[in-house]
PDB file of N, CA and C in Angstrom:
ATOM      1  N   UNK A   1      31.977 -11.355-187.683  1.00  0.00           N
ATOM      2  CA  UNK A   1      31.323  -9.928-187.828  1.00  0.00           C
ATOM      3  C   UNK A   1      30.516  -9.999-186.942  1.00  0.00           C
ATOM      4  N   UNK A   2      29.756  -8.697-186.364  1.00  0.00           N
ATOM      5  CA  UNK A   2      29.283  -7.758-185.559  1.00  0.00           C
ATOM      6  C   UNK A   2      27.764  -8.666-184.946  1.00  0.00           C
ATOM      7  N   UNK A   3      27.978  -8.755-183.433  1.00  0.00           N
ATOM      8  CA  UNK A   3      26.764  -9.431-183.149  1.00  0.00           C
ATOM      9  C   UNK A   3      25.535  -8.275-183.162  1.00  0.00           C
ATOM     10  N   UNK A   4      24.214  -9.098-183.600  1.00  0.00           N
ATOM     11  CA  UNK A   4      23.054  -8.199-183.403  1.00  0.00           C
ATOM     12  C   UNK A   4      22.698  -7.804-181.954  1.00  0.00           C
ATOM     13  N   UNK A   5      21.986  -6.494-182.123  1.00  0.00           N
ATOM     14  CA  UNK A   5      21.794  -6.138-180.400  1.00  0.00           C
ATOM     15  C   UNK A   5      20.650  -6.818-180.150  1.00  0.00           C
ATOM     16  N   UNK A   6      20.720  -7.441-178.880  1.00  0.00           N
ATOM     17  CA  UNK A   6      19.298  -7.458-178.431  1.00  0.00           C
ATOM     18  C   UNK A   6      18.600  -7.145-177.837  1.00  0.00           C
ATOM     19  N   UNK A   7      17.275  -7.218-178.099  1.00  0.00           N
ATOM     20  CA  UNK A   7      15.976  -6.218-177.078  1.00  0.00           C
ATOM     21  C   UNK A   7      16.627  -6.453-175.959  1.00  0.00           C
ATOM     22  N   UNK A   8      16.523  -5.124-174.968  1.00  0.00           N
ATOM     23  CA  UNK A   8      16.320  -5.721-173.306  1.00  0.00           C
ATOM     24  C   UNK A   8      15.067  -5.393-173.305  1.00  0.00           C
ATOM     25  N   UNK A   9      14.069  -5.763-173.843  1.00  0.00           N
ATOM     26  CA  UNK A   9      12.782  -6.390-173.151  1.00  0.00           C
ATOM     27  C   UNK A   9      12.483  -7.572-173.294  1.00  0.00           C
ATOM     28  N   UNK A  10      13.145  -8.470-174.161  1.00  0.00           N
ATOM     29  CA  UNK A  10      13.355  -9.469-174.367  1.00  0.00           C
ATOM     30  C   UNK A  10      14.185 -10.219-173.641  1.00  0.00           C
ATOM     31  N   UNK A  11      14.024 -11.345-172.507  1.00  0.00           N
ATOM     32  CA  UNK A  11      15.323 -11.840-171.477  1.00  0.00           C
ATOM     33  C   UNK A  11      15.547 -12.805-172.825  1.00  0.00           C
ATOM     34  N   UNK A  12      16.938 -13.280-172.582  1.00  0.00           N
ATOM     35  CA  UNK A  12      17.341 -14.688-173.018  1.00  0.00           C
ATOM     36  C   UNK A  12      16.646 -15.949-172.468  1.00  0.00           C
ATOM     37  N   UNK A  13      16.414 -16.622-173.086  1.00  0.00           N
ATOM     38  CA  UNK A  13      15.983 -18.182-172.602  1.00  0.00           C
ATOM     39  C   UNK A  13      17.003 -18.590-171.221  1.00  0.00           C
ATOM     40  N   UNK A  14      16.334 -18.991-170.478  1.00  0.00           N
ATOM     41  CA  UNK A  14      17.232 -19.809-169.382  1.00  0.00           C
ATOM     42  C   UNK A  14      17.129 -21.123-169.703  1.00  0.00           C
ATOM     43  N   UNK A  15      16.178 -21.881-169.999  1.00  0.00           N
ATOM     44  CA  UNK A  15      16.145 -23.449-170.048  1.00  0.00           C
ATOM     45  C   UNK A  15      15.932 -23.460-171.895  1.00  0.00           C
ATOM     46  N   UNK A  16      16.852 -24.380-172.163  1.00  0.00           N
ATOM     47  CA  UNK A  16      16.596 -25.455-173.505  1.00  0.00           C
ATOM     48  C   UNK A  16      14.887 -25.302-173.761  1.00  0.00           C
ATOM     49  N   UNK A  17      14.683 -25.999-174.901  1.00  0.00           N
ATOM     50  CA  UNK A  17      12.969 -26.128-174.890  1.00  0.00           C
ATOM     51  C   UNK A  17      13.206 -27.756-174.338  1.00  0.00           C
ATOM     52  N   UNK A  18      13.990 -28.647-174.688  1.00  0.00           N
ATOM     53  CA  UNK A  18      14.269 -29.739-174.004  1.00  0.00           C
ATOM     54  C   UNK A  18      14.374 -29.887-172.679  1.00  0.00           C
ATOM     55  N   UNK A  19      15.034 -28.941-171.958  1.00  0.00           N
ATOM     56  CA  UNK A  19      15.193 -28.727-170.686  1.00  0.00           C
ATOM     57  C   UNK A  19      13.572 -28.412-170.024  1.00  0.00           C
ATOM     58  N   UNK A  20      12.337 -27.523-171.131  1.00  0.00           N
ATOM     59  CA  UNK A  20      11.515 -26.943-170.408  1.00  0.00           C
ATOM     60  C   UNK A  20      10.438 -28.162-170.502  1.00  0.00           C
ATOM     61  N   UNK A  21      10.551 -29.077-171.708  1.00  0.00           N
ATOM     62  CA  UNK A  21       9.774 -30.102-171.529  1.00  0.00           C
ATOM     63  C   UNK A  21      10.007 -31.204-170.604  1.00  0.00           C
ATOM     64  N   UNK A  22      11.424 -31.728-170.040  1.00  0.00           N
ATOM     65  CA  UNK A  22      11.814 -32.603-168.982  1.00  0.00           C
ATOM     66  C   UNK A  22      10.631 -31.629-167.834  1.00  0.00           C
ATOM     67  N   UNK A  23      10.951 -30.017-167.416  1.00  0.00           N
ATOM     68  CA  UNK A  23      10.264 -29.722-166.391  1.00  0.00           C
ATOM     69  C   UNK A  23       8.906 -30.179-166.163  1.00  0.00           C
ATOM     70  N   UNK A  24       8.130 -30.040-167.145  1.00  0.00           N
ATOM     71  CA  UNK A  24       6.692 -29.668-167.559  1.00  0.00           C
ATOM     72  C   UNK A  24       6.332 -31.179-167.147  1.00  0.00           C
ATOM     73  N   UNK A  25       6.758 -32.183-167.673  1.00  0.00           N
ATOM     74  CA  UNK A  25       7.011 -33.514-167.387  1.00  0.00           C
ATOM     75  C   UNK A  25       6.882 -34.117-165.929  1.00  0.00           C
ATOM     76  N   UNK A  26       7.978 -33.514-165.398  1.00  0.00           N
ATOM     77  CA  UNK A  26       8.181 -33.531-163.936  1.00  0.00           C
ATOM     78  C   UNK A  26       6.783 -32.683-163.200  1.00  0.00           C
ATOM     79  N   UNK A  27       6.615 -32.040-163.570  1.00  0.00           N
ATOM     80  CA  UNK A  27       5.463 -31.141-162.897  1.00  0.00           C
ATOM     81  C   UNK A  27       4.314 -32.164-163.182  1.00  0.00           C
ATOM     82  N   UNK A  28       3.937 -32.300-164.249  1.00  0.00           N
ATOM     83  CA  UNK A  28       2.651 -32.655-164.662  1.00  0.00           C
ATOM     84  C   UNK A  28       2.628 -34.233-163.994  1.00  0.00           C
ATOM     85  N   UNK A  29       3.712 -34.780-163.762  1.00  0.00           N
ATOM     86  CA  UNK A  29       3.436 -36.503-163.268  1.00  0.00           C
ATOM     87  C   UNK A  29       3.497 -35.855-161.589  1.00  0.00           C
ATOM     88  N   UNK A  30       3.419 -35.042-161.200  1.00  0.00           N
ATOM     89  CA  UNK A  30       3.540 -34.709-159.461  1.00  0.00           C
ATOM     90  C   UNK A  30       2.703 -34.121-159.064  1.00  0.00           C
ATOM     91  N   UNK A  31       1.530 -33.449-160.558  1.00  0.00           N
ATOM     92  CA  UNK A  31       0.527 -33.173-159.936  1.00  0.00           C
ATOM     93  C   UNK A  31      -0.448 -33.170-161.605  1.00  0.00           C
ATOM     94  N   UNK A  32      -0.885 -34.894-161.363  1.00  0.00           N
ATOM     95  CA  UNK A  32      -1.395 -35.463-162.734  1.00  0.00           C
ATOM     96  C   UNK A  32      -2.755 -34.719-163.386  1.00  0.00           C
ATOM     97  N   UNK A  33      -3.543 -34.710-162.013  1.00  0.00           N
ATOM     98  CA  UNK A  33      -5.216 -34.237-162.078  1.00  0.00           C
ATOM     99  C   UNK A  33      -5.055 -32.307-162.416  1.00  0.00           C
ATOM    100  N   UNK A  34      -4.072 -32.216-162.408  1.00  0.00           N
ATOM    101  CA  UNK A  34      -3.523 -30.561-162.356  1.00  0.00           C
ATOM    102  C   UNK A  34      -3.932 -29.554-161.457  1.00  0.00           C
ATOM    103  N   UNK A  35      -4.494 -30.528-160.260  1.00  0.00           N
ATOM    104  CA  UNK A  35      -5.159 -29.857-159.223  1.00  0.00           C
ATOM    105  C   UNK A  35      -4.588 -30.194-157.920  1.00  0.00           C
ATOM    106  N   UNK A  36      -4.069 -31.049-157.614  1.00  0.00           N
ATOM    107  CA  UNK A  36      -3.307 -31.716-156.444  1.00  0.00           C
ATOM    108  C   UNK A  36      -2.058 -32.548-157.006  1.00  0.00           C
ATOM    109  N   UNK A  37      -1.345 -32.335-155.684  1.00  0.00           N
ATOM    110  CA  UNK A  37      -0.428 -33.004-155.955  1.00  0.00           C
ATOM    111  C   UNK A  37      -0.014 -34.537-155.266  1.00  0.00           C
ATOM    112  N   UNK A  38       0.813 -34.989-155.706  1.00  0.00           N
ATOM    113  CA  UNK A  38       0.951 -36.277-154.964  1.00  0.00           C
ATOM    114  C   UNK A  38       1.504 -36.531-154.284  1.00  0.00           C
ATOM    115  N   UNK A  39       1.533 -37.677-153.359  1.00  0.00           N
ATOM    116  CA  UNK A  39       2.185 -37.864-152.144  1.00  0.00           C
ATOM    117  C   UNK A  39       3.230 -37.505-152.120  1.00  0.00           C
ATOM    118  N   UNK A  40       3.791 -38.412-153.184  1.00  0.00           N
ATOM    119  CA  UNK A  40       5.744 -38.358-153.608  1.00  0.00           C
ATOM    120  C   UNK A  40       5.843 -36.855-153.611  1.00  0.00           C
ATOM    121  N   UNK A  41       5.703 -35.696-153.420  1.00  0.00           N
ATOM    122  CA  UNK A  41       6.417 -34.605-153.704  1.00  0.00           C
ATOM    123  C   UNK A  41       6.675 -34.418-152.492  1.00  0.00           C
ATOM    124  N   UNK A  42       5.701 -34.847-151.379  1.00  0.00           N
ATOM    125  CA  UNK A  42       6.264 -34.773-149.602  1.00  0.00           C
ATOM    126  C   UNK A  42       7.572 -35.260-149.336  1.00  0.00           C
ATOM    127  N   UNK A  43       7.874 -36.371-150.549  1.00  0.00           N
ATOM    128  CA  UNK A  43       8.865 -37.572-150.038  1.00  0.00           C
ATOM    129  C   UNK A  43      10.354 -36.664-149.446  1.00  0.00           C
ATOM    130  N   UNK A  44      11.026 -37.135-149.034  1.00  0.00           N
ATOM    131  CA  UNK A  44      12.495 -36.418-148.697  1.00  0.00           C
ATOM    132  C   UNK A  44      13.590 -36.605-149.876  1.00  0.00           C
ATOM    133  N   UNK A  45      13.088 -37.549-150.842  1.00  0.00           N
ATOM    134  CA  UNK A  45      13.653 -37.122-152.167  1.00  0.00           C
ATOM    135  C   UNK A  45      13.563 -36.158-152.753  1.00  0.00           C
ATOM    136  N   UNK A  46      12.350 -35.409-152.691  1.00  0.00           N
ATOM    137  CA  UNK A  46      12.100 -34.328-153.791  1.00  0.00           C
ATOM    138  C   UNK A  46      12.091 -33.229-152.884  1.00  0.00           C
ATOM    139  N   UNK A  47      12.805 -33.426-151.658  1.00  0.00           N
ATOM    140  CA  UNK A  47      12.966 -32.008-150.901  1.00  0.00           C
ATOM    141  C   UNK A  47      13.995 -30.885-151.655  1.00  0.00           C
ATOM    142  N   UNK A  48      14.781 -31.333-152.423  1.00  0.00           N
ATOM    143  CA  UNK A  48      15.439 -29.866-152.999  1.00  0.00           C
ATOM    144  C   UNK A  48      14.053 -29.726-154.336  1.00  0.00           C
ATOM    145  N   UNK A  49      13.524 -30.542-154.898  1.00  0.00           N
ATOM    146  CA  UNK A  49      12.654 -29.418-155.588  1.00  0.00           C
ATOM    147  C   UNK A  49      11.687 -28.888-155.327  1.00  0.00           C
ATOM    148  N   UNK A  50      11.340 -28.944-153.906  1.00  0.00           N
ATOM    149  CA  UNK A  50      10.486 -28.180-153.245  1.00  0.00           C
ATOM    150  C   UNK A  50      11.119 -26.630-152.710  1.00  0.00           C
ATOM    151  N   UNK A  51      11.995 -27.073-152.546  1.00  0.00           N
ATOM    152  CA  UNK A  51      13.187 -25.979-152.278  1.00  0.00           C
ATOM    153  C   UNK A  51      13.322 -25.197-153.116  1.00  0.00           C
ATOM    154  N   UNK A  52      13.947 -25.607-154.232  1.00  0.00           N
ATOM    155  CA  UNK A  52      13.813 -24.745-155.677  1.00  0.00           C
ATOM    156  C   UNK A  52      12.292 -24.080-155.989  1.00  0.00           C
ATOM    157  N   UNK A  53      11.493 -24.898-155.923  1.00  0.00           N
ATOM    158  CA  UNK A  53      10.092 -23.979-156.572  1.00  0.00           C
ATOM    159  C   UNK A  53       9.488 -22.929-155.485  1.00  0.00           C
ATOM    160  N   UNK A  54       9.900 -23.391-154.427  1.00  0.00           N
ATOM    161  CA  UNK A  54       9.566 -21.690-153.339  1.00  0.00           C
ATOM    162  C   UNK A  54       9.601 -20.494-154.065  1.00  0.00           C
ATOM    163  N   UNK A  55      10.916 -19.957-154.002  1.00  0.00           N
ATOM    164  CA  UNK A  55      10.860 -18.570-154.788  1.00  0.00           C
ATOM    165  C   UNK A  55       9.794 -18.308-155.761  1.00  0.00           C
ATOM    166  N   UNK A  56       9.891 -19.916-156.695  1.00  0.00           N
ATOM    167  CA  UNK A  56       8.666 -19.382-157.564  1.00  0.00           C
ATOM    168  C   UNK A  56       6.981 -18.973-157.372  1.00  0.00           C
ATOM    169  N   UNK A  57       7.049 -20.523-156.351  1.00  0.00           N
ATOM    170  CA  UNK A  57       5.979 -19.881-156.046  1.00  0.00           C
ATOM    171  C   UNK A  57       5.643 -19.009-155.225  1.00  0.00           C
ATOM    172  N   UNK A  58       6.318 -17.970-154.711  1.00  0.00           N
ATOM    173  CA  UNK A  58       6.366 -17.063-153.893  1.00  0.00           C
ATOM    174  C   UNK A  58       6.268 -15.932-155.042  1.00  0.00           C
ATOM    175  N   UNK A  59       6.315 -15.653-155.921  1.00  0.00           N
ATOM    176  CA  UNK A  59       6.564 -14.901-157.274  1.00  0.00           C
ATOM    177  C   UNK A  59       5.056 -14.975-157.839  1.00  0.00           C
ATOM    178  N   UNK A  60       4.433 -16.151-158.268  1.00  0.00           N
ATOM    179  CA  UNK A  60       3.351 -16.319-158.332  1.00  0.00           C
ATOM    180  C   UNK A  60       2.339 -15.845-157.855  1.00  0.00           C
ATOM    181  N   UNK A  61       2.288 -16.349-156.286  1.00  0.00           N
ATOM    182  CA  UNK A  61       1.443 -15.521-155.576  1.00  0.00           C
ATOM    183  C   UNK A  61       1.717 -14.086-154.936  1.00  0.00           C
ATOM    184  N   UNK A  62       2.712 -13.517-155.203  1.00  0.00           N
ATOM    185  CA  UNK A  62       2.459 -12.045-155.351  1.00  0.00           C
ATOM    186  C   UNK A  62       2.158 -11.193-156.209  1.00  0.00           C
ATOM    187  N   UNK A  63       2.397 -11.832-157.729  1.00  0.00           N
ATOM    188  CA  UNK A  63       1.906 -11.836-158.629  1.00  0.00           C
ATOM    189  C   UNK A  63       0.040 -12.041-158.704  1.00  0.00           C
ATOM    190  N   UNK A  64      -0.115 -12.811-158.362  1.00  0.00           N
ATOM    191  CA  UNK A  64      -1.623 -13.083-157.840  1.00  0.00           C
ATOM    192  C   UNK A  64      -2.114 -12.233-157.256  1.00  0.00           C
ATOM    193  N   UNK A  65      -1.568 -11.847-156.233  1.00  0.00           N
ATOM    194  CA  UNK A  65      -2.126 -10.709-155.169  1.00  0.00           C
ATOM    195  C   UNK A  65      -2.389  -9.503-155.522  1.00  0.00           C
ATOM    196  N   UNK A  66      -1.412  -9.019-156.527  1.00  0.00           N
ATOM    197  CA  UNK A  66      -1.514  -7.979-157.194  1.00  0.00           C
ATOM    198  C   UNK A  66      -2.718  -7.783-157.921  1.00  0.00           C
ATOM    199  N   UNK A  67      -2.925  -8.772-158.941  1.00  0.00           N
ATOM    200  CA  UNK A  67      -4.298  -8.825-159.058  1.00  0.00           C
ATOM    201  C   UNK A  67      -5.430  -8.971-158.260  1.00  0.00           C
ATOM    202  N   UNK A  68      -5.683  -9.623-157.405  1.00  0.00           N
ATOM    203  CA  UNK A  68      -6.566  -9.389-156.909  1.00  0.00           C
ATOM    204  C   UNK A  68      -7.001  -8.224-156.079  1.00  0.00           C
ATOM    205  N   UNK A  69      -5.884  -7.261-156.099  1.00  0.00           N
ATOM    206  CA  UNK A  69      -5.663  -6.033-155.555  1.00  0.00           C
ATOM    207  C   UNK A  69      -6.368  -4.942-156.087  1.00  0.00           C
ATOM    208  N   UNK A  70      -5.867  -5.329-157.670  1.00  0.00           N
ATOM    209  CA  UNK A  70      -6.599  -4.294-158.930  1.00  0.00           C
ATOM    210  C   UNK A  70      -8.304  -4.759-159.153  1.00  0.00           C
ATOM    211  N   UNK A  71      -8.382  -5.926-158.875  1.00  0.00           N
ATOM    212  CA  UNK A  71      -9.644  -6.349-158.801  1.00  0.00           C
ATOM    213  C   UNK A  71     -10.412  -5.699-157.938  1.00  0.00           C
ATOM    214  N   UNK A  72     -10.030  -5.815-156.610  1.00  0.00           N
ATOM    215  CA  UNK A  72     -10.755  -5.049-155.485  1.00  0.00           C
ATOM    216  C   UNK A  72     -10.883  -3.203-155.962  1.00  0.00           C
ATOM    217  N   UNK A  73      -9.664  -2.813-156.549  1.00  0.00           N
ATOM    218  CA  UNK A  73     -10.224  -1.392-156.779  1.00  0.00           C
ATOM    219  C   UNK A  73     -10.953  -1.626-157.979  1.00  0.00           C
ATOM    220  N   UNK A  74     -11.047  -2.341-158.891  1.00  0.00           N
ATOM    221  CA  UNK A  74     -12.029  -1.853-159.897  1.00  0.00           C
ATOM    222  C   UNK A  74     -13.286  -2.240-159.427  1.00  0.00           C
ATOM    223  N   UNK A  75     -13.659  -3.085-158.715  1.00  0.00           N
ATOM    224  CA  UNK A  75     -15.147  -3.631-157.936  1.00  0.00           C
ATOM    225  C   UNK A  75     -15.622  -1.971-157.423  1.00  0.00           C
ATOM    226  N   UNK A  76     -14.576  -1.690-156.352  1.00  0.00           N
ATOM    227  CA  UNK A  76     -14.810  -0.300-155.890  1.00  0.00           C
ATOM    228  C   UNK A  76     -15.165   0.622-156.481  1.00  0.00           C
ATOM    229  N   UNK A  77     -14.348   0.889-157.822  1.00  0.00           N
ATOM    230  CA  UNK A  77     -14.908   1.926-158.268  1.00  0.00           C
ATOM    231  C   UNK A  77     -16.322   1.875-159.271  1.00  0.00           C
ATOM    232  N   UNK A  78     -16.071   0.705-159.230  1.00  0.00           N
ATOM    233  CA  UNK A  78     -17.627   0.080-159.902  1.00  0.00           C
ATOM    234  C   UNK A  78     -18.855   0.478-158.920  1.00  0.00           C
ATOM    235  N   UNK A  79     -18.378  -0.115-157.682  1.00  0.00           N
ATOM    236  CA  UNK A  79     -19.982   0.684-156.520  1.00  0.00           C
ATOM    237  C   UNK A  79     -19.965   2.021-156.383  1.00  0.00           C
ATOM    238  N   UNK A  80     -19.048   3.097-156.502  1.00  0.00           N
ATOM    239  CA  UNK A  80     -18.578   4.043-156.523  1.00  0.00           C
ATOM    240  C   UNK A  80     -19.584   4.946-157.544  1.00  0.00           C
ATOM    241  N   UNK A  81     -19.444   3.967-158.995  1.00  0.00           N
ATOM    242  CA  UNK A  81     -19.951   4.694-160.023  1.00  0.00           C
ATOM    243  C   UNK A  81     -21.441   4.247-159.819  1.00  0.00           C
ATOM    244  N   UNK A  82     -21.963   3.678-159.524  1.00  0.00           N
ATOM    245  CA  UNK A  82     -23.216   3.246-159.109  1.00  0.00           C
ATOM    246  C   UNK A  82     -23.981   3.938-158.430  1.00  0.00           C
ATOM    247  N   UNK A  83     -23.474   4.250-156.900  1.00  0.00           N
ATOM    248  CA  UNK A  83     -23.579   5.098-155.926  1.00  0.00           C
ATOM    249  C   UNK A  83     -24.105   6.348-156.507  1.00  0.00           C
ATOM    250  N   UNK A  84     -22.784   6.756-157.698  1.00  0.00           N
ATOM    251  CA  UNK A  84     -23.579   8.175-158.036  1.00  0.00           C
ATOM    252  C   UNK A  84     -24.190   8.226-159.222  1.00  0.00           C
ATOM    253  N   UNK A  85     -24.503   7.264-159.617  1.00  0.00           N
ATOM    254  CA  UNK A  85     -25.807   7.295-160.880  1.00  0.00           C
ATOM    255  C   UNK A  85     -26.760   7.215-159.988  1.00  0.00           C
ATOM    256  N   UNK A  86     -26.658   6.013-159.018  1.00  0.00           N
ATOM    257  CA  UNK A  86     -28.344   6.126-158.080  1.00  0.00           C
ATOM    258  C   UNK A  86     -28.396   7.597-157.401  1.00  0.00           C
ATOM    259  N   UNK A  87     -27.628   8.354-157.079  1.00  0.00           N
ATOM    260  CA  UNK A  87     -27.697   9.613-156.412  1.00  0.00           C
ATOM    261  C   UNK A  87     -28.282  10.522-157.706  1.00  0.00           C
ATOM    262  N   UNK A  88     -27.699  10.317-158.449  1.00  0.00           N
ATOM    263  CA  UNK A  88     -28.193  11.074-159.910  1.00  0.00           C
ATOM    264  C   UNK A  88     -29.582  10.985-160.020  1.00  0.00           C
ATOM    265  N   UNK A  89     -30.287  10.156-160.117  1.00  0.00           N
ATOM    266  CA  UNK A  89     -31.322   9.367-160.578  1.00  0.00           C
ATOM    267  C   UNK A  89     -32.408  10.052-159.284  1.00  0.00           C
ATOM    268  N   UNK A  90     -31.854   9.930-158.156  1.00  0.00           N
ATOM    269  CA  UNK A  90     -32.637  10.094-156.889  1.00  0.00           C
ATOM    270  C   UNK A  90     -33.122  11.625-156.896  1.00  0.00           C
ATOM    271  N   UNK A  91     -31.871  12.425-157.292  1.00  0.00           N
ATOM    272  CA  UNK A  91     -31.720  14.024-157.261  1.00  0.00           C
ATOM    273  C   UNK A  91     -32.687  14.462-158.235  1.00  0.00           C
ATOM    274  N   UNK A  92     -32.806  13.654-159.597  1.00  0.00           N
ATOM    275  CA  UNK A  92     -33.710  14.147-160.705  1.00  0.00           C
ATOM    276  C   UNK A  92     -35.233  13.730-160.289  1.00  0.00           C
ATOM    277  N   UNK A  93     -35.520  12.716-159.302  1.00  0.00           N
ATOM    278  CA  UNK A  93     -36.505  12.633-159.101  1.00  0.00           C
ATOM    279  C   UNK A  93     -37.378  13.591-158.420  1.00  0.00           C
ATOM    280  N   UNK A  94     -36.116  13.698-157.138  1.00  0.00           N
ATOM    281  CA  UNK A  94     -36.712  14.665-156.443  1.00  0.00           C
ATOM    282  C   UNK A  94     -37.374  16.370-157.298  1.00  0.00           C
ATOM    283  N   UNK A  95     -35.922  16.314-157.945  1.00  0.00           N
ATOM    284  CA  UNK A  95     -36.763  17.677-159.052  1.00  0.00           C
ATOM    285  C   UNK A  95     -37.644  17.844-159.662  1.00  0.00           C
ATOM    286  N   UNK A  96     -37.909  16.540-160.052  1.00  0.00           N
ATOM    287  CA  UNK A  96     -39.071  16.800-160.738  1.00  0.00           C
ATOM    288  C   UNK A  96     -40.321  16.992-159.859  1.00  0.00           C
ATOM    289  N   UNK A  97     -40.195  15.821-159.299  1.00  0.00           N
ATOM    290  CA  UNK A  97     -41.204  16.119-157.933  1.00  0.00           C
ATOM    291  C   UNK A  97     -41.472  17.209-157.448  1.00  0.00           C
ATOM    292  N   UNK A  98     -40.461  18.287-156.967  1.00  0.00           N
ATOM    293  CA  UNK A  98     -40.719  19.787-156.856  1.00  0.00           C
ATOM    294  C   UNK A  98     -41.326  20.192-157.736  1.00  0.00           C
ATOM    295  N   UNK A  99     -40.617  20.277-159.165  1.00  0.00           N
ATOM    296  CA  UNK A  99     -41.288  21.015-160.203  1.00  0.00           C
ATOM    297  C   UNK A  99     -42.449  20.942-160.529  1.00  0.00           C
ATOM    298  N   UNK A 100     -43.349  19.777-160.584  1.00  0.00           N
ATOM    299  CA  UNK A 100     -44.635  19.555-160.771  1.00  0.00           C
ATOM    300  C   UNK A 100     -45.726  19.801-159.495  1.00  0.00           C
ATOM    301  N   UNK A 101     -45.206  19.708-158.626  1.00  0.00           N
ATOM    302  CA  UNK A 101     -45.783  20.444-157.356  1.00  0.00           C
ATOM    303  C   UNK A 101     -45.933  21.922-157.697  1.00  0.00           C
ATOM    304  N   UNK A 102     -44.906  22.585-157.628  1.00  0.00           N
ATOM    305  CA  UNK A 102     -44.749  23.676-158.066  1.00  0.00           C
ATOM    306  C   UNK A 102     -45.865  24.156-158.747  1.00  0.00           C
ATOM    307  N   UNK A 103     -45.509  23.389-160.054  1.00  0.00           N
ATOM    308  CA  UNK A 103     -46.668  23.769-161.209  1.00  0.00           C
ATOM    309  C   UNK A 103     -48.150  23.576-160.981  1.00  0.00           C
ATOM    310  N   UNK A 104     -48.252  22.700-160.035  1.00  0.00           N
ATOM    311  CA  UNK A 104     -49.587  22.096-159.585  1.00  0.00           C
ATOM    312  C   UNK A 104     -49.952  22.953-158.724  1.00  0.00           C
ATOM    313  N   UNK A 105     -49.689  23.633-157.731  1.00  0.00           N
ATOM    314  CA  UNK A 105     -49.885  24.839-157.243  1.00  0.00           C
ATOM    315  C   UNK A 105     -49.962  26.324-157.885  1.00  0.00           C
ATOM    316  N   UNK A 106     -49.226  26.342-158.926  1.00  0.00           N
ATOM    317  CA  UNK A 106     -49.291  27.353-159.788  1.00  0.00           C
ATOM    318  C   UNK A 106     -50.629  27.494-160.503  1.00  0.00           C
ATOM    319  N   UNK A 107     -51.225  26.176-161.089  1.00  0.00           N
ATOM    320  CA  UNK A 107     -52.758  26.037-161.563  1.00  0.00           C
ATOM    321  C   UNK A 107     -53.441  26.073-160.432  1.00  0.00           C
ATOM    322  N   UNK A 108     -53.505  25.935-159.365  1.00  0.00           N
ATOM    323  CA  UNK A 108     -54.750  25.589-158.484  1.00  0.00           C
ATOM    324  C   UNK A 108     -54.336  27.251-158.004  1.00  0.00           C
ATOM    325  N   UNK A 109     -53.344  27.846-158.094  1.00  0.00           N
ATOM    326  CA  UNK A 109     -54.089  29.588-157.909  1.00  0.00           C
ATOM    327  C   UNK A 109     -54.313  30.121-159.197  1.00  0.00           C
ATOM    328  N   UNK A 110     -54.358  29.799-160.518  1.00  0.00           N
ATOM    329  CA  UNK A 110     -54.710  30.408-160.897  1.00  0.00           C
ATOM    330  C   UNK A 110     -56.238  30.101-161.267  1.00  0.00           C
ATOM    331  N   UNK A 111     -56.254  28.815-161.083  1.00  0.00           N
ATOM    332  CA  UNK A 111     -58.244  28.356-161.157  1.00  0.00           C
ATOM    333  C   UNK A 111     -58.604  29.161-160.118  1.00  0.00           C
ATOM    334  N   UNK A 112     -58.244  29.010-158.682  1.00  0.00           N
ATOM    335  CA  UNK A 112     -58.736  30.030-158.312  1.00  0.00           C
ATOM    336  C   UNK A 112     -58.971  31.831-158.137  1.00  0.00           C
ATOM    337  N   UNK A 113     -58.145  32.389-158.885  1.00  0.00           N
ATOM    338  CA  UNK A 113     -58.138  33.473-159.443  1.00  0.00           C
ATOM    339  C   UNK A 113     -59.444  33.549-160.554  1.00  0.00           C
ATOM    340  N   UNK A 114     -59.425  32.660-161.080  1.00  0.00           N
ATOM    341  CA  UNK A 114     -60.488  32.595-161.970  1.00  0.00           C
ATOM    342  C   UNK A 114     -61.990  32.352-161.782  1.00  0.00           C
ATOM    343  N   UNK A 115     -62.190  31.900-160.209  1.00  0.00           N
ATOM    344  CA  UNK A 115     -63.638  31.741-160.006  1.00  0.00           C
ATOM    345  C   UNK A 115     -64.113  32.996-159.376  1.00  0.00           C
TER     346      UNK A 115
END
């Protein structure tokens, strides 16, 4: 029969579930606390592993830097919005103050005219 069309957006897995489990066991053994690598990772025996991990780590880091950049832009936009709100409040305050001063002066002139 005909082979079903594969969705181009969903890549075909390059690892079997068993291979993935072995990989995860190795990585967890090298950083049992999930934060710090064991000294064994620096051993000459594991140099091929370090070399194999290098492009993967670079991809992860570059993706993180994109996230950092997006967070920075978002923070800048938030600061700009806050500055705009503060300026709007200041302008409204000054407008109200000017209106009240004008109205007070008009009332004073009206009172003087009545005297």
